[in-house]
N, C-alpha and C. Protein backbone atom coordinates (compact mmCIF):
# COMPACT_ATOMS: atom_id res chain seq x y z
N UNK A 1 32.18 25.78 3.11
CA UNK A 1 32.30 26.72 4.13
C UNK A 1 33.54 27.76 4.46
N UNK A 2 33.10 29.04 4.69
CA UNK A 2 34.44 29.89 5.01
C UNK A 2 35.27 29.68 6.59
N UNK A 3 36.06 30.11 6.81
CA UNK A 3 36.92 30.04 7.98
C UNK A 3 36.12 30.60 8.79
N UNK A 4 35.38 31.87 8.77
CA UNK A 4 34.19 32.46 9.62
C UNK A 4 33.13 31.59 10.07
N UNK A 5 32.43 31.00 9.03
CA UNK A 5 31.65 30.25 9.43
C UNK A 5 31.75 28.92 9.98
N UNK A 6 33.05 28.68 9.39
CA UNK A 6 33.76 27.57 10.45
C UNK A 6 33.63 27.79 12.03
N UNK A 7 34.33 28.62 12.04
CA UNK A 7 34.71 28.99 13.57
C UNK A 7 33.26 29.34 14.10
N UNK A 8 32.29 30.06 13.64
CA UNK A 8 31.06 30.21 14.63
C UNK A 8 30.36 28.90 14.67
N UNK A 9 30.66 27.80 13.73
CA UNK A 9 29.92 26.58 13.92
C UNK A 9 30.48 25.98 15.28
N UNK A 10 31.74 26.02 15.53
CA UNK A 10 32.49 25.23 16.42
C UNK A 10 32.01 25.84 17.67
N UNK A 11 32.05 27.17 17.60
CA UNK A 11 31.65 27.88 18.85
C UNK A 11 30.17 27.53 19.20
N UNK A 12 29.47 27.62 18.38
CA UNK A 12 27.93 27.48 18.60
C UNK A 12 28.02 25.55 19.13
N UNK A 13 28.30 24.74 18.60
CA UNK A 13 28.49 23.15 19.03
C UNK A 13 29.06 23.35 20.22
N UNK A 14 30.24 24.28 20.91
CA UNK A 14 30.20 24.48 22.51
C UNK A 14 29.63 24.80 23.17
N UNK A 15 28.90 25.66 22.59
CA UNK A 15 27.69 26.45 23.74
C UNK A 15 26.90 25.26 24.06
N UNK A 16 26.01 24.87 22.67
CA UNK A 16 25.20 23.78 22.66
C UNK A 16 25.83 22.60 23.79
N UNK A 17 26.90 22.21 24.02
CA UNK A 17 27.56 20.90 24.39
C UNK A 17 27.47 21.48 26.09
N UNK A 18 27.99 22.77 26.12
CA UNK A 18 27.87 23.44 27.44
C UNK A 18 26.60 23.59 27.99
N UNK A 19 25.41 23.76 27.48
CA UNK A 19 23.83 23.85 27.97
C UNK A 19 23.35 22.46 28.41
N UNK A 20 24.06 21.42 27.47
CA UNK A 20 23.69 20.30 27.81
C UNK A 20 24.11 19.66 28.75
N UNK A 21 25.53 19.89 29.38
CA UNK A 21 25.88 19.53 30.67
C UNK A 21 25.86 20.52 31.68
N UNK A 22 24.92 21.69 31.63
CA UNK A 22 24.76 22.53 32.67
C UNK A 22 23.23 22.51 32.68
N UNK A 23 22.33 21.64 32.96
CA UNK A 23 20.99 21.60 33.11
C UNK A 23 20.24 22.51 33.84
N UNK A 24 21.03 23.13 34.93
CA UNK A 24 20.50 23.81 35.88
C UNK A 24 20.68 25.46 35.40
N UNK A 25 21.33 25.69 34.26
CA UNK A 25 21.70 27.11 33.75
C UNK A 25 20.15 27.80 33.56
N UNK A 26 19.26 27.30 32.92
CA UNK A 26 18.04 28.28 32.98
C UNK A 26 17.25 28.07 34.08
N UNK A 27 17.44 27.21 35.29
CA UNK A 27 16.75 27.86 36.26
C UNK A 27 17.18 28.80 37.22
N UNK A 28 18.66 28.89 36.74
CA UNK A 28 19.24 29.92 37.57
C UNK A 28 18.91 31.45 36.89
N UNK A 29 18.80 31.31 35.33
CA UNK A 29 18.48 32.32 34.65
C UNK A 29 17.15 32.34 34.11
N UNK A 30 16.08 32.22 34.80
CA UNK A 30 14.84 31.74 33.98
C UNK A 30 14.24 32.88 32.92
N UNK A 31 14.68 34.28 33.58
CA UNK A 31 14.65 35.16 32.45
C UNK A 31 14.72 35.18 31.43
N UNK A 32 15.65 34.23 31.09
CA UNK A 32 16.40 34.25 29.58
C UNK A 32 15.45 33.57 28.72
N UNK A 33 14.51 32.78 29.21
CA UNK A 33 13.71 31.93 28.62
C UNK A 33 12.52 33.10 27.70
N UNK A 34 12.32 34.12 28.60
CA UNK A 34 11.68 35.26 27.98
C UNK A 34 12.09 36.06 26.84
N UNK A 35 13.47 36.32 27.32
CA UNK A 35 14.21 37.09 26.28
C UNK A 35 14.48 36.38 24.92
N UNK A 36 14.46 35.42 25.15
CA UNK A 36 15.34 34.72 23.84
C UNK A 36 14.18 34.67 22.58
N UNK A 37 14.43 35.20 21.52
CA UNK A 37 13.58 35.09 20.33
C UNK A 37 13.84 34.00 19.53
N UNK A 38 12.95 33.56 18.99
CA UNK A 38 13.04 32.54 17.55
C UNK A 38 12.72 32.63 16.40
N UNK A 39 12.78 32.36 15.30
CA UNK A 39 12.04 32.48 13.96
C UNK A 39 10.80 31.68 14.24
N UNK A 40 9.50 32.14 13.97
CA UNK A 40 8.42 31.36 13.71
C UNK A 40 8.58 30.22 12.85
N UNK A 41 8.18 29.05 13.04
CA UNK A 41 8.50 28.25 11.84
C UNK A 41 7.68 28.18 10.37
N UNK A 42 6.20 29.27 10.83
CA UNK A 42 5.88 29.16 9.43
C UNK A 42 5.16 30.68 9.37
N UNK A 43 5.83 31.54 10.03
CA UNK A 43 5.46 32.68 9.59
C UNK A 43 6.85 33.90 9.73
N UNK A 44 6.65 35.16 9.28
CA UNK A 44 7.86 35.83 9.19
C UNK A 44 7.76 36.64 10.27
N UNK A 45 8.12 36.16 11.70
CA UNK A 45 8.01 37.02 12.74
C UNK A 45 9.16 36.08 13.96
N UNK A 46 9.06 36.86 15.05
CA UNK A 46 10.08 36.32 16.43
C UNK A 46 9.09 35.88 17.06
N UNK A 47 9.36 34.60 17.87
CA UNK A 47 8.77 34.38 19.16
C UNK A 47 9.64 33.92 20.26
N UNK A 48 8.87 33.73 21.43
CA UNK A 48 9.69 33.33 22.38
C UNK A 48 10.18 31.83 22.63
N UNK A 49 11.18 31.58 22.94
CA UNK A 49 11.54 30.11 23.22
C UNK A 49 10.12 29.24 23.67
N UNK A 50 9.51 29.52 24.77
CA UNK A 50 7.98 29.23 25.19
C UNK A 50 7.27 29.24 23.70
N UNK A 51 7.05 30.33 23.47
CA UNK A 51 5.93 29.87 22.23
C UNK A 51 6.55 28.99 21.09
N UNK A 52 7.76 28.62 20.67
CA UNK A 52 8.34 28.01 19.74
C UNK A 52 8.04 26.37 20.40
N UNK A 53 8.08 26.27 21.32
CA UNK A 53 7.93 24.96 22.31
C UNK A 53 6.65 24.61 22.11
N UNK A 54 6.02 25.62 22.34
CA UNK A 54 4.11 25.08 22.52
C UNK A 54 4.13 24.97 20.91
N UNK A 55 4.66 25.72 19.95
CA UNK A 55 4.13 25.33 18.45
C UNK A 55 4.52 23.84 18.06
N UNK A 56 5.80 23.69 18.52
CA UNK A 56 6.43 22.15 18.11
C UNK A 56 5.72 21.29 18.78
N UNK A 57 4.90 21.62 20.20
CA UNK A 57 4.20 20.36 20.76
C UNK A 57 2.86 20.30 20.00
N UNK A 58 2.33 21.36 19.47
CA UNK A 58 1.07 21.54 19.00
C UNK A 58 1.10 20.72 17.33
N UNK A 59 2.43 20.76 16.65
CA UNK A 59 2.61 20.10 15.57
C UNK A 59 2.43 18.68 15.73
N UNK A 60 3.49 18.33 16.89
CA UNK A 60 3.43 16.67 17.21
C UNK A 60 2.27 16.08 17.51
N UNK A 61 1.55 16.60 18.21
CA UNK A 61 0.11 16.62 18.79
C UNK A 61 -0.93 16.22 17.25
N UNK A 62 -0.67 17.15 16.28
CA UNK A 62 -1.28 16.95 14.92
C UNK A 62 -1.00 15.81 14.38
N UNK A 63 0.22 15.60 14.19
CA UNK A 63 0.89 14.39 13.43
C UNK A 63 0.46 13.24 14.34
N UNK A 64 0.58 13.35 15.87
CA UNK A 64 0.24 11.57 16.14
C UNK A 64 -1.42 11.44 15.94
N UNK A 65 -2.19 12.71 16.04
CA UNK A 65 -3.56 12.65 15.72
C UNK A 65 -3.93 11.72 14.28
N UNK A 66 -2.94 12.63 13.38
CA UNK A 66 -2.98 12.07 12.12
C UNK A 66 -2.56 10.47 11.75
N UNK A 67 -1.73 10.08 12.62
CA UNK A 67 -1.33 8.68 12.40
C UNK A 67 -2.28 7.80 13.07
N UNK A 68 -2.60 8.27 14.02
CA UNK A 68 -3.68 7.57 14.83
C UNK A 68 -5.02 7.24 13.91
N UNK A 69 -5.20 8.54 13.75
CA UNK A 69 -6.55 8.34 12.63
C UNK A 69 -6.53 7.51 11.51
N UNK A 70 -5.30 7.43 11.12
CA UNK A 70 -4.85 6.52 9.65
C UNK A 70 -4.85 4.97 10.24
N UNK A 71 -4.32 4.88 11.77
CA UNK A 71 -4.29 3.39 11.80
C UNK A 71 -5.67 2.91 12.19
N UNK A 72 -6.64 3.84 12.84
CA UNK A 72 -8.06 3.51 12.80
C UNK A 72 -8.74 3.06 11.59
N UNK A 73 -8.28 3.89 10.68
CA UNK A 73 -8.90 3.59 9.24
C UNK A 73 -8.53 2.62 8.79
N UNK A 74 -7.27 2.18 8.60
CA UNK A 74 -6.69 1.01 7.92
C UNK A 74 -7.20 -0.35 9.05
N UNK A 75 -6.93 -0.25 10.18
CA UNK A 75 -7.73 -0.99 10.76
C UNK A 75 -8.83 -1.74 10.59
N UNK A 76 -9.71 -0.88 10.76
CA UNK A 76 -11.18 -0.70 10.00
C UNK A 76 -11.09 -1.43 8.88
N UNK A 77 -10.59 -1.23 8.16
CA UNK A 77 -10.63 -1.35 6.70
C UNK A 77 -10.10 -3.02 6.57
N UNK A 78 -8.96 -2.92 7.38
CA UNK A 78 -8.38 -4.78 7.34
C UNK A 78 -9.60 -5.53 7.73
N UNK A 79 -10.17 -5.03 8.65
CA UNK A 79 -11.11 -5.81 9.50
C UNK A 79 -12.28 -6.40 8.77
N UNK A 80 -12.87 -5.21 7.70
CA UNK A 80 -13.69 -5.33 6.90
C UNK A 80 -13.20 -6.62 5.55
N UNK A 81 -11.87 -6.16 5.12
CA UNK A 81 -11.32 -7.21 4.66
C UNK A 81 -11.31 -8.48 4.94
N UNK A 82 -10.79 -8.66 6.02
CA UNK A 82 -10.86 -10.07 6.41
C UNK A 82 -11.95 -10.78 6.43
N UNK A 83 -13.03 -9.97 7.02
CA UNK A 83 -14.39 -10.54 7.06
C UNK A 83 -15.04 -11.10 6.01
N UNK A 84 -14.74 -9.90 4.93
CA UNK A 84 -15.17 -10.19 3.41
C UNK A 84 -14.29 -11.57 2.80
N UNK A 85 -13.23 -11.60 3.26
CA UNK A 85 -12.48 -12.75 2.41
C UNK A 85 -12.85 -14.20 3.12
N UNK A 86 -13.49 -14.16 4.56
CA UNK A 86 -13.99 -15.36 4.79
C UNK A 86 -15.32 -15.79 4.45
N UNK A 87 -16.13 -14.64 4.22
CA UNK A 87 -17.35 -14.99 3.41
C UNK A 87 -16.89 -15.48 2.09
N UNK A 88 -16.05 -14.95 1.50
CA UNK A 88 -15.69 -15.14 0.09
C UNK A 88 -15.03 -16.97 -0.38
N UNK A 89 -14.16 -17.08 0.95
CA UNK A 89 -13.82 -18.63 1.18
C UNK A 89 -14.93 -19.29 1.38
N UNK A 90 -16.10 -19.07 2.11
CA UNK A 90 -17.28 -19.76 2.11
C UNK A 90 -17.90 -20.17 0.98
N UNK A 91 -18.06 -19.15 0.05
CA UNK A 91 -18.62 -19.03 -1.24
C UNK A 91 -17.79 -19.87 -2.14
N UNK A 92 -16.43 -20.12 -2.00
CA UNK A 92 -15.68 -20.72 -3.10
C UNK A 92 -15.82 -22.45 -2.62
N UNK A 93 -15.93 -22.67 -1.37
CA UNK A 93 -15.94 -23.96 -0.76
C UNK A 93 -17.27 -24.60 -1.16
N UNK A 94 -18.42 -24.07 -1.07
CA UNK A 94 -19.62 -24.43 -1.58
C UNK A 94 -19.90 -24.43 -3.16
N UNK A 95 -18.92 -24.05 -4.00
CA UNK A 95 -18.94 -23.89 -5.41
C UNK A 95 -18.52 -25.31 -5.86
N UNK A 96 -19.63 -25.80 -6.77
CA UNK A 96 -19.30 -27.40 -7.27
C UNK A 96 -19.15 -27.66 -8.64
N UNK A 97 -18.73 -26.64 -9.35
CA UNK A 97 -18.91 -26.69 -10.70
C UNK A 97 -17.98 -25.45 -11.13
N UNK A 98 -17.60 -25.56 -12.35
CA UNK A 98 -16.53 -24.39 -12.93
C UNK A 98 -17.34 -22.89 -12.78
N UNK A 99 -18.48 -23.02 -13.46
CA UNK A 99 -19.43 -21.71 -13.41
C UNK A 99 -19.63 -21.22 -12.08
N UNK A 100 -19.77 -21.95 -11.02
CA UNK A 100 -20.10 -21.76 -9.86
C UNK A 100 -18.59 -20.85 -9.18
N UNK A 101 -17.62 -21.74 -9.65
CA UNK A 101 -16.19 -21.25 -8.87
C UNK A 101 -15.85 -20.02 -9.31
N UNK A 102 -16.29 -19.81 -10.72
CA UNK A 102 -15.60 -18.47 -11.16
C UNK A 102 -16.32 -17.17 -10.86
N UNK A 103 -17.88 -17.64 -10.83
CA UNK A 103 -18.86 -16.71 -10.00
C UNK A 103 -18.47 -16.11 -8.74
N UNK A 104 -18.02 -16.99 -7.91
CA UNK A 104 -17.71 -16.82 -6.53
C UNK A 104 -16.66 -15.93 -6.52
N UNK A 105 -15.58 -16.46 -7.64
CA UNK A 105 -14.35 -15.90 -7.78
C UNK A 105 -14.28 -14.02 -8.11
N UNK A 106 -14.96 -14.00 -9.08
CA UNK A 106 -15.28 -12.81 -9.68
C UNK A 106 -16.23 -11.87 -8.70
N UNK A 107 -17.41 -12.23 -8.37
CA UNK A 107 -18.54 -11.55 -7.65
C UNK A 107 -18.03 -11.24 -6.31
N UNK A 108 -17.46 -12.29 -5.58
CA UNK A 108 -17.01 -12.11 -4.46
C UNK A 108 -15.49 -11.22 -4.35
N UNK A 109 -14.60 -11.12 -5.02
CA UNK A 109 -13.44 -10.55 -4.95
C UNK A 109 -13.77 -9.02 -5.25
N UNK A 110 -14.55 -9.00 -5.93
CA UNK A 110 -15.44 -7.67 -6.53
C UNK A 110 -15.74 -6.89 -5.58
N UNK A 111 -16.49 -7.14 -4.51
CA UNK A 111 -16.81 -6.95 -3.41
C UNK A 111 -16.11 -6.72 -2.38
N UNK A 112 -15.18 -7.70 -2.11
CA UNK A 112 -14.15 -7.78 -0.80
C UNK A 112 -13.27 -6.59 -1.14
N UNK A 113 -12.95 -6.43 -2.45
CA UNK A 113 -11.59 -5.24 -2.61
C UNK A 113 -12.31 -4.33 -3.37
N UNK A 114 -13.77 -4.11 -3.34
CA UNK A 114 -14.44 -2.93 -4.18
C UNK A 114 -13.66 -2.60 -5.30
N UNK A 115 -13.28 -3.60 -6.45
CA UNK A 115 -12.61 -3.19 -7.41
C UNK A 115 -14.04 -3.15 -8.48
N UNK A 116 -13.82 -2.53 -9.67
CA UNK A 116 -14.45 -2.57 -10.69
C UNK A 116 -14.85 -3.75 -11.89
N UNK A 117 -13.78 -4.64 -11.78
CA UNK A 117 -14.00 -5.58 -12.64
C UNK A 117 -12.92 -6.68 -11.75
N UNK A 118 -13.31 -7.69 -12.06
CA UNK A 118 -12.61 -9.33 -11.64
C UNK A 118 -12.98 -10.19 -13.15
N UNK A 119 -11.84 -10.62 -13.41
CA UNK A 119 -11.75 -11.61 -14.78
C UNK A 119 -10.80 -12.66 -14.37
N UNK A 120 -11.25 -13.86 -14.87
CA UNK A 120 -10.20 -14.90 -14.94
C UNK A 120 -10.17 -15.31 -16.15
N UNK A 121 -8.64 -15.65 -16.68
CA UNK A 121 -8.12 -15.51 -17.78
C UNK A 121 -7.97 -16.92 -18.19
N UNK A 122 -7.87 -17.93 -19.13
CA UNK A 122 -7.61 -19.20 -19.37
C UNK A 122 -5.92 -19.26 -19.31
N UNK A 123 -5.83 -20.47 -18.91
CA UNK A 123 -4.44 -20.68 -18.93
C UNK A 123 -3.48 -20.53 -19.97
N UNK A 124 -1.95 -20.09 -19.81
CA UNK A 124 -1.10 -19.87 -20.89
C UNK A 124 -0.02 -19.78 -20.20
N UNK A 125 1.33 -20.22 -20.99
CA UNK A 125 2.48 -20.39 -20.23
C UNK A 125 2.95 -19.04 -20.27
N UNK A 126 2.62 -17.92 -20.92
CA UNK A 126 3.34 -16.71 -20.41
C UNK A 126 3.04 -16.18 -19.21
N UNK A 127 1.95 -16.20 -18.62
CA UNK A 127 1.36 -16.14 -17.23
C UNK A 127 2.62 -16.37 -15.84
N UNK A 128 3.29 -17.43 -16.50
CA UNK A 128 3.87 -18.17 -15.47
C UNK A 128 5.00 -16.73 -14.50
N UNK A 129 5.53 -15.98 -14.80
CA UNK A 129 6.08 -14.88 -13.85
C UNK A 129 5.15 -14.35 -12.84
N UNK A 130 4.06 -14.23 -13.32
CA UNK A 130 3.10 -13.96 -12.25
C UNK A 130 2.49 -14.37 -11.54
N UNK A 131 3.09 -15.85 -11.24
CA UNK A 131 2.76 -16.47 -10.28
C UNK A 131 3.41 -16.23 -8.69
N UNK A 132 4.61 -16.07 -9.12
CA UNK A 132 5.62 -15.34 -8.05
C UNK A 132 5.61 -14.04 -7.86
N UNK A 133 5.70 -13.23 -8.79
CA UNK A 133 5.60 -11.82 -8.67
C UNK A 133 4.22 -11.28 -9.28
N UNK A 134 2.96 -11.29 -8.73
CA UNK A 134 1.67 -10.40 -9.57
C UNK A 134 2.22 -9.43 -10.07
N UNK A 135 1.65 -9.00 -11.33
CA UNK A 135 1.72 -7.73 -12.02
C UNK A 135 0.98 -6.76 -11.18
N UNK A 136 1.20 -5.78 -10.98
CA UNK A 136 0.34 -4.86 -10.17
C UNK A 136 0.95 -3.34 -10.66
N UNK A 137 -0.08 -2.18 -10.17
CA UNK A 137 0.25 -1.02 -10.38
C UNK A 137 -0.59 -0.26 -11.37
N UNK A 138 -0.57 0.98 -11.44
CA UNK A 138 -1.29 1.92 -12.44
C UNK A 138 -1.13 1.48 -13.97
N UNK A 139 -2.29 1.57 -14.35
CA UNK A 139 -2.11 0.64 -16.09
C UNK A 139 -1.05 1.57 -16.97
N UNK A 140 -0.69 2.88 -16.62
CA UNK A 140 0.21 3.62 -17.27
C UNK A 140 1.57 3.45 -16.91
N UNK A 141 1.86 2.43 -15.91
CA UNK A 141 3.03 2.16 -15.59
C UNK A 141 3.58 1.07 -15.61
N UNK A 142 2.70 0.09 -16.15
CA UNK A 142 2.77 -1.23 -16.44
C UNK A 142 3.49 -1.29 -17.63
N UNK A 143 4.41 -2.25 -17.85
CA UNK A 143 5.23 -2.50 -19.12
C UNK A 143 4.22 -2.82 -20.13
N UNK A 144 4.38 -2.36 -21.37
CA UNK A 144 3.62 -2.32 -22.55
C UNK A 144 3.24 -3.89 -22.96
N UNK A 145 4.52 -4.58 -22.66
CA UNK A 145 4.37 -5.81 -23.41
C UNK A 145 3.58 -6.83 -22.28
N UNK A 146 3.52 -6.51 -21.12
CA UNK A 146 2.41 -6.99 -20.21
C UNK A 146 1.04 -6.83 -20.66
N UNK A 147 0.43 -5.46 -20.63
CA UNK A 147 -0.62 -4.91 -21.07
C UNK A 147 -1.12 -5.44 -22.53
N UNK A 148 -0.13 -5.55 -23.48
CA UNK A 148 -0.46 -6.07 -24.51
C UNK A 148 -0.81 -7.86 -24.56
N UNK A 149 0.00 -8.47 -23.58
CA UNK A 149 -0.74 -9.91 -23.42
C UNK A 149 -1.88 -9.94 -22.80
N UNK A 150 -2.29 -9.14 -21.95
CA UNK A 150 -3.45 -9.45 -21.04
C UNK A 150 -4.51 -8.79 -22.12
N UNK A 151 -4.16 -7.79 -22.95
CA UNK A 151 -5.18 -7.56 -23.92
C UNK A 151 -5.74 -8.68 -25.00
N UNK A 152 -4.84 -9.32 -25.23
CA UNK A 152 -5.26 -10.95 -26.26
C UNK A 152 -6.16 -11.41 -25.48
N UNK A 153 -6.13 -11.54 -24.26
CA UNK A 153 -7.09 -12.51 -23.58
C UNK A 153 -8.72 -11.72 -23.17
N UNK A 154 -8.47 -10.58 -22.81
CA UNK A 154 -9.53 -9.85 -22.18
C UNK A 154 -9.54 -8.62 -22.88
N UNK A 155 -10.91 -7.68 -23.28
CA UNK A 155 -10.67 -6.29 -23.62
C UNK A 155 -10.55 -5.57 -22.44
N UNK A 156 -9.40 -4.78 -22.54
CA UNK A 156 -9.04 -3.82 -21.68
C UNK A 156 -10.02 -2.76 -21.73
N UNK A 157 -10.95 -2.33 -20.59
CA UNK A 157 -11.81 -1.15 -20.56
C UNK A 157 -11.04 -0.02 -20.34
N UNK A 158 -11.29 0.85 -21.24
CA UNK A 158 -10.67 2.29 -21.27
C UNK A 158 -10.60 3.07 -19.85
N UNK A 159 -11.69 2.70 -19.03
CA UNK A 159 -12.03 3.16 -17.59
C UNK A 159 -11.25 2.72 -16.64
N UNK A 160 -10.19 1.35 -16.90
CA UNK A 160 -9.58 0.81 -15.78
C UNK A 160 -8.07 1.63 -16.02
N UNK A 161 -7.98 2.02 -14.50
CA UNK A 161 -6.82 2.85 -14.26
C UNK A 161 -5.88 2.07 -13.58
N UNK A 162 -6.00 1.16 -12.77
CA UNK A 162 -4.89 0.35 -11.99
C UNK A 162 -5.29 -0.91 -12.25
N UNK A 163 -4.43 -2.14 -12.18
CA UNK A 163 -5.08 -3.14 -12.24
C UNK A 163 -3.72 -4.28 -11.55
N UNK A 164 -3.90 -5.54 -11.11
CA UNK A 164 -3.31 -6.26 -10.74
C UNK A 164 -3.45 -8.02 -11.63
N UNK A 165 -2.66 -8.44 -12.20
CA UNK A 165 -2.65 -9.80 -12.70
C UNK A 165 -1.90 -10.87 -12.12
N UNK A 166 -2.53 -11.65 -11.35
CA UNK A 166 -1.91 -13.07 -10.32
C UNK A 166 -2.11 -14.11 -10.94
N UNK A 167 -0.91 -15.18 -11.22
CA UNK A 167 -0.87 -16.03 -12.07
C UNK A 167 -1.41 -17.14 -10.83
N UNK A 168 -2.01 -18.24 -11.30
CA UNK A 168 -2.80 -18.79 -10.80
C UNK A 168 -2.32 -20.46 -10.80
N UNK A 169 -1.62 -21.12 -9.88
CA UNK A 169 -0.83 -22.14 -10.10
C UNK A 169 -1.60 -23.22 -10.44
N UNK A 170 -1.99 -23.45 -11.05
CA UNK A 170 -3.07 -24.92 -11.82
C UNK A 170 -2.25 -26.31 -11.71
N UNK A 171 -2.75 -27.46 -11.25
CA UNK A 171 -2.21 -28.26 -11.02
C UNK A 171 -2.29 -29.18 -12.95
N UNK A 172 -1.00 -29.55 -13.09
CA UNK A 172 -0.80 -30.20 -14.42
C UNK A 172 -1.39 -29.29 -15.57
N UNK A 173 -1.26 -27.89 -15.46
CA UNK A 173 -1.51 -26.99 -16.58
C UNK A 173 -0.90 -25.65 -16.12
N UNK A 174 -0.65 -25.00 -17.54
CA UNK A 174 0.09 -23.68 -17.16
C UNK A 174 -0.60 -22.61 -16.41
N UNK A 175 -0.47 -21.89 -15.74
CA UNK A 175 -0.93 -21.22 -15.05
C UNK A 175 -2.43 -19.90 -15.85
N UNK A 176 -3.48 -19.70 -14.87
CA UNK A 176 -4.31 -19.08 -15.51
C UNK A 176 -4.06 -17.76 -14.87
N UNK A 177 -4.89 -16.78 -15.13
CA UNK A 177 -4.55 -15.34 -14.51
C UNK A 177 -6.00 -14.86 -13.70
N UNK A 178 -5.66 -14.55 -12.43
CA UNK A 178 -6.44 -13.85 -11.87
C UNK A 178 -6.65 -12.05 -12.07
N UNK A 179 -7.49 -11.46 -12.75
CA UNK A 179 -7.11 -9.97 -12.85
C UNK A 179 -8.19 -9.35 -12.13
N UNK A 180 -7.69 -8.19 -11.43
CA UNK A 180 -8.48 -7.38 -10.87
C UNK A 180 -8.12 -5.85 -11.08
N UNK A 181 -9.49 -5.04 -11.67
CA UNK A 181 -9.26 -3.70 -12.23
C UNK A 181 -9.94 -2.82 -11.60
N UNK A 182 -9.44 -1.14 -11.65
CA UNK A 182 -10.02 -0.22 -10.80
C UNK A 182 -10.02 0.88 -11.77
N UNK A 183 -11.14 1.74 -11.47
CA UNK A 183 -11.23 2.71 -12.17
C UNK A 183 -10.20 3.96 -11.28
N UNK A 184 -9.76 3.69 -10.30
CA UNK A 184 -9.01 4.56 -9.57
C UNK A 184 -7.19 4.27 -9.40
N UNK A 185 -6.74 5.04 -10.15
CA UNK A 185 -5.20 4.72 -10.25
C UNK A 185 -4.42 4.54 -9.63
N UNK A 186 -4.84 4.81 -8.09
CA UNK A 186 -3.69 4.59 -6.75
C UNK A 186 -4.49 3.23 -6.30
N UNK A 187 -5.55 2.55 -6.51
CA UNK A 187 -5.83 1.64 -6.20
C UNK A 187 -4.91 0.35 -5.89
N UNK A 188 -4.40 0.26 -7.11
CA UNK A 188 -3.45 -0.96 -7.11
C UNK A 188 -1.91 -0.30 -7.22
N UNK A 189 -0.95 -0.25 -6.59
CA UNK A 189 0.47 0.25 -6.66
C UNK A 189 1.47 -0.49 -6.89
N UNK A 190 2.74 -0.47 -7.25
CA UNK A 190 3.70 -1.10 -7.99
C UNK A 190 4.41 -1.89 -6.70
N UNK A 191 4.54 -1.36 -5.43
CA UNK A 191 5.04 -1.83 -4.28
C UNK A 191 3.95 -2.36 -3.39
N UNK A 192 2.68 -2.82 -3.90
CA UNK A 192 1.77 -3.43 -3.05
C UNK A 192 2.28 -5.03 -2.45
N UNK A 193 1.92 -5.03 -1.24
CA UNK A 193 2.27 -6.34 -0.99
C UNK A 193 1.43 -7.38 -1.47
N UNK A 194 2.19 -8.59 -1.74
CA UNK A 194 1.71 -9.32 -2.56
C UNK A 194 1.48 -10.88 -1.92
N UNK A 195 1.53 -10.70 -0.33
CA UNK A 195 0.83 -11.81 0.34
C UNK A 195 -0.48 -12.39 0.26
N UNK A 196 -1.46 -11.38 0.44
CA UNK A 196 -2.82 -11.79 0.34
C UNK A 196 -3.01 -12.21 -1.29
N UNK A 197 -2.66 -11.54 -2.03
CA UNK A 197 -2.99 -11.68 -3.42
C UNK A 197 -2.40 -13.21 -3.85
N UNK A 198 -1.35 -13.63 -3.24
CA UNK A 198 -0.89 -15.05 -3.66
C UNK A 198 -1.69 -16.20 -2.85
N UNK A 199 -1.92 -15.69 -1.91
CA UNK A 199 -2.74 -16.79 -0.81
C UNK A 199 -4.36 -16.74 -1.78
N UNK A 200 -4.97 -15.68 -2.21
CA UNK A 200 -5.93 -15.71 -2.80
C UNK A 200 -6.33 -16.38 -4.06
N UNK A 201 -4.73 -16.23 -4.88
CA UNK A 201 -4.48 -16.89 -6.14
C UNK A 201 -4.51 -18.53 -5.81
N UNK A 202 -3.63 -18.97 -4.85
CA UNK A 202 -3.48 -20.36 -4.39
C UNK A 202 -4.83 -20.95 -4.16
N UNK A 203 -5.72 -20.34 -3.48
CA UNK A 203 -7.10 -20.85 -3.24
C UNK A 203 -7.92 -20.96 -4.32
N UNK A 204 -7.93 -19.83 -5.45
CA UNK A 204 -8.93 -20.01 -6.33
C UNK A 204 -8.22 -21.07 -7.46
N UNK A 205 -6.99 -21.31 -7.73
CA UNK A 205 -6.46 -22.20 -8.30
C UNK A 205 -6.87 -23.47 -7.67
N UNK A 206 -6.83 -23.91 -6.33
CA UNK A 206 -7.36 -25.18 -5.74
C UNK A 206 -8.59 -25.22 -5.91
N UNK A 207 -9.49 -24.23 -6.12
CA UNK A 207 -11.10 -24.44 -6.43
C UNK A 207 -11.09 -24.79 -7.92
N UNK A 208 -10.57 -24.29 -8.67
CA UNK A 208 -10.74 -24.84 -10.07
C UNK A 208 -9.84 -26.08 -10.44
N UNK A 209 -9.19 -26.39 -10.01
CA UNK A 209 -8.54 -27.59 -10.05
C UNK A 209 -9.56 -28.89 -9.28
N UNK A 210 -10.34 -28.54 -8.08
CA UNK A 210 -11.27 -29.36 -7.44
C UNK A 210 -12.23 -29.71 -8.39
N UNK A 211 -12.83 -28.76 -9.30
CA UNK A 211 -13.93 -29.07 -9.66
C UNK A 211 -13.45 -29.29 -11.21
N UNK A 212 -12.27 -29.63 -11.64
CA UNK A 212 -11.81 -29.92 -13.04
C UNK A 212 -12.08 -28.96 -13.95
N UNK A 213 -11.89 -27.43 -13.81
CA UNK A 213 -11.98 -26.80 -15.02
C UNK A 213 -11.36 -26.83 -16.03
N UNK A 214 -10.30 -27.25 -16.11
CA UNK A 214 -9.37 -27.74 -17.20
C UNK A 214 -8.90 -28.81 -17.02
N UNK A 215 -9.80 -29.72 -17.63
CA UNK A 215 -9.69 -31.29 -17.84
C UNK A 215 -8.68 -31.40 -18.99
N UNK A 216 -8.77 -30.93 -19.95
CA UNK A 216 -7.46 -31.45 -21.11
C UNK A 216 -6.41 -30.89 -21.14
N UNK A 217 -4.86 -31.42 -20.78
CA UNK A 217 -3.97 -30.68 -20.75
C UNK A 217 -3.74 -29.57 -21.71
N UNK A 218 -3.21 -28.64 -21.27
CA UNK A 218 -3.13 -27.15 -22.24
C UNK A 218 -1.74 -26.82 -22.35
N UNK A 219 -1.53 -26.28 -23.64
CA UNK A 219 -0.09 -26.07 -23.60
C UNK A 219 0.75 -27.33 -24.30
């Protein structure tokens, strides 16, 4: 910054501070409000201070309405998801054998999360890291080694664009995996919260343990 720019900045700061300390100034010189011209925020023209203030208020109102709309949308979606999870849990509790548990998990979760595929992969010690931290995100952004590991257990549909692989903490066995996949690349993101996913994994694992899905020790 040049010396001239520095001096102007200091002078402007003094004017701004003086105006803050003199709230009655514009009451005594109200005509100034009509004379002051500012650059329009979106157009190449000057507008009055009052017009600029109205423009700012309209923009703030638009942003508030957008945020409110998003809150209502996600609130409604969360309510729907919560209701779906309760219905899914009831299905899981009624399942009395491995086939019923697996059907409840795959069909139920596909409906709750509105995804295109849900799979349960057999226990494998390699899935252990995904118990504490699920693998999650667009397929193109996932580590190739993880994708290769999954492809050894299940054919990966070319239409799948995002997925989540959750480790299932089984009793006395290496973890199995719950795999959810979507044709939408934005359905699962890398920074997606894992709280619900881990709860679902624990419930699924408990249901599989309850029906003795993997009786013989594995791995």
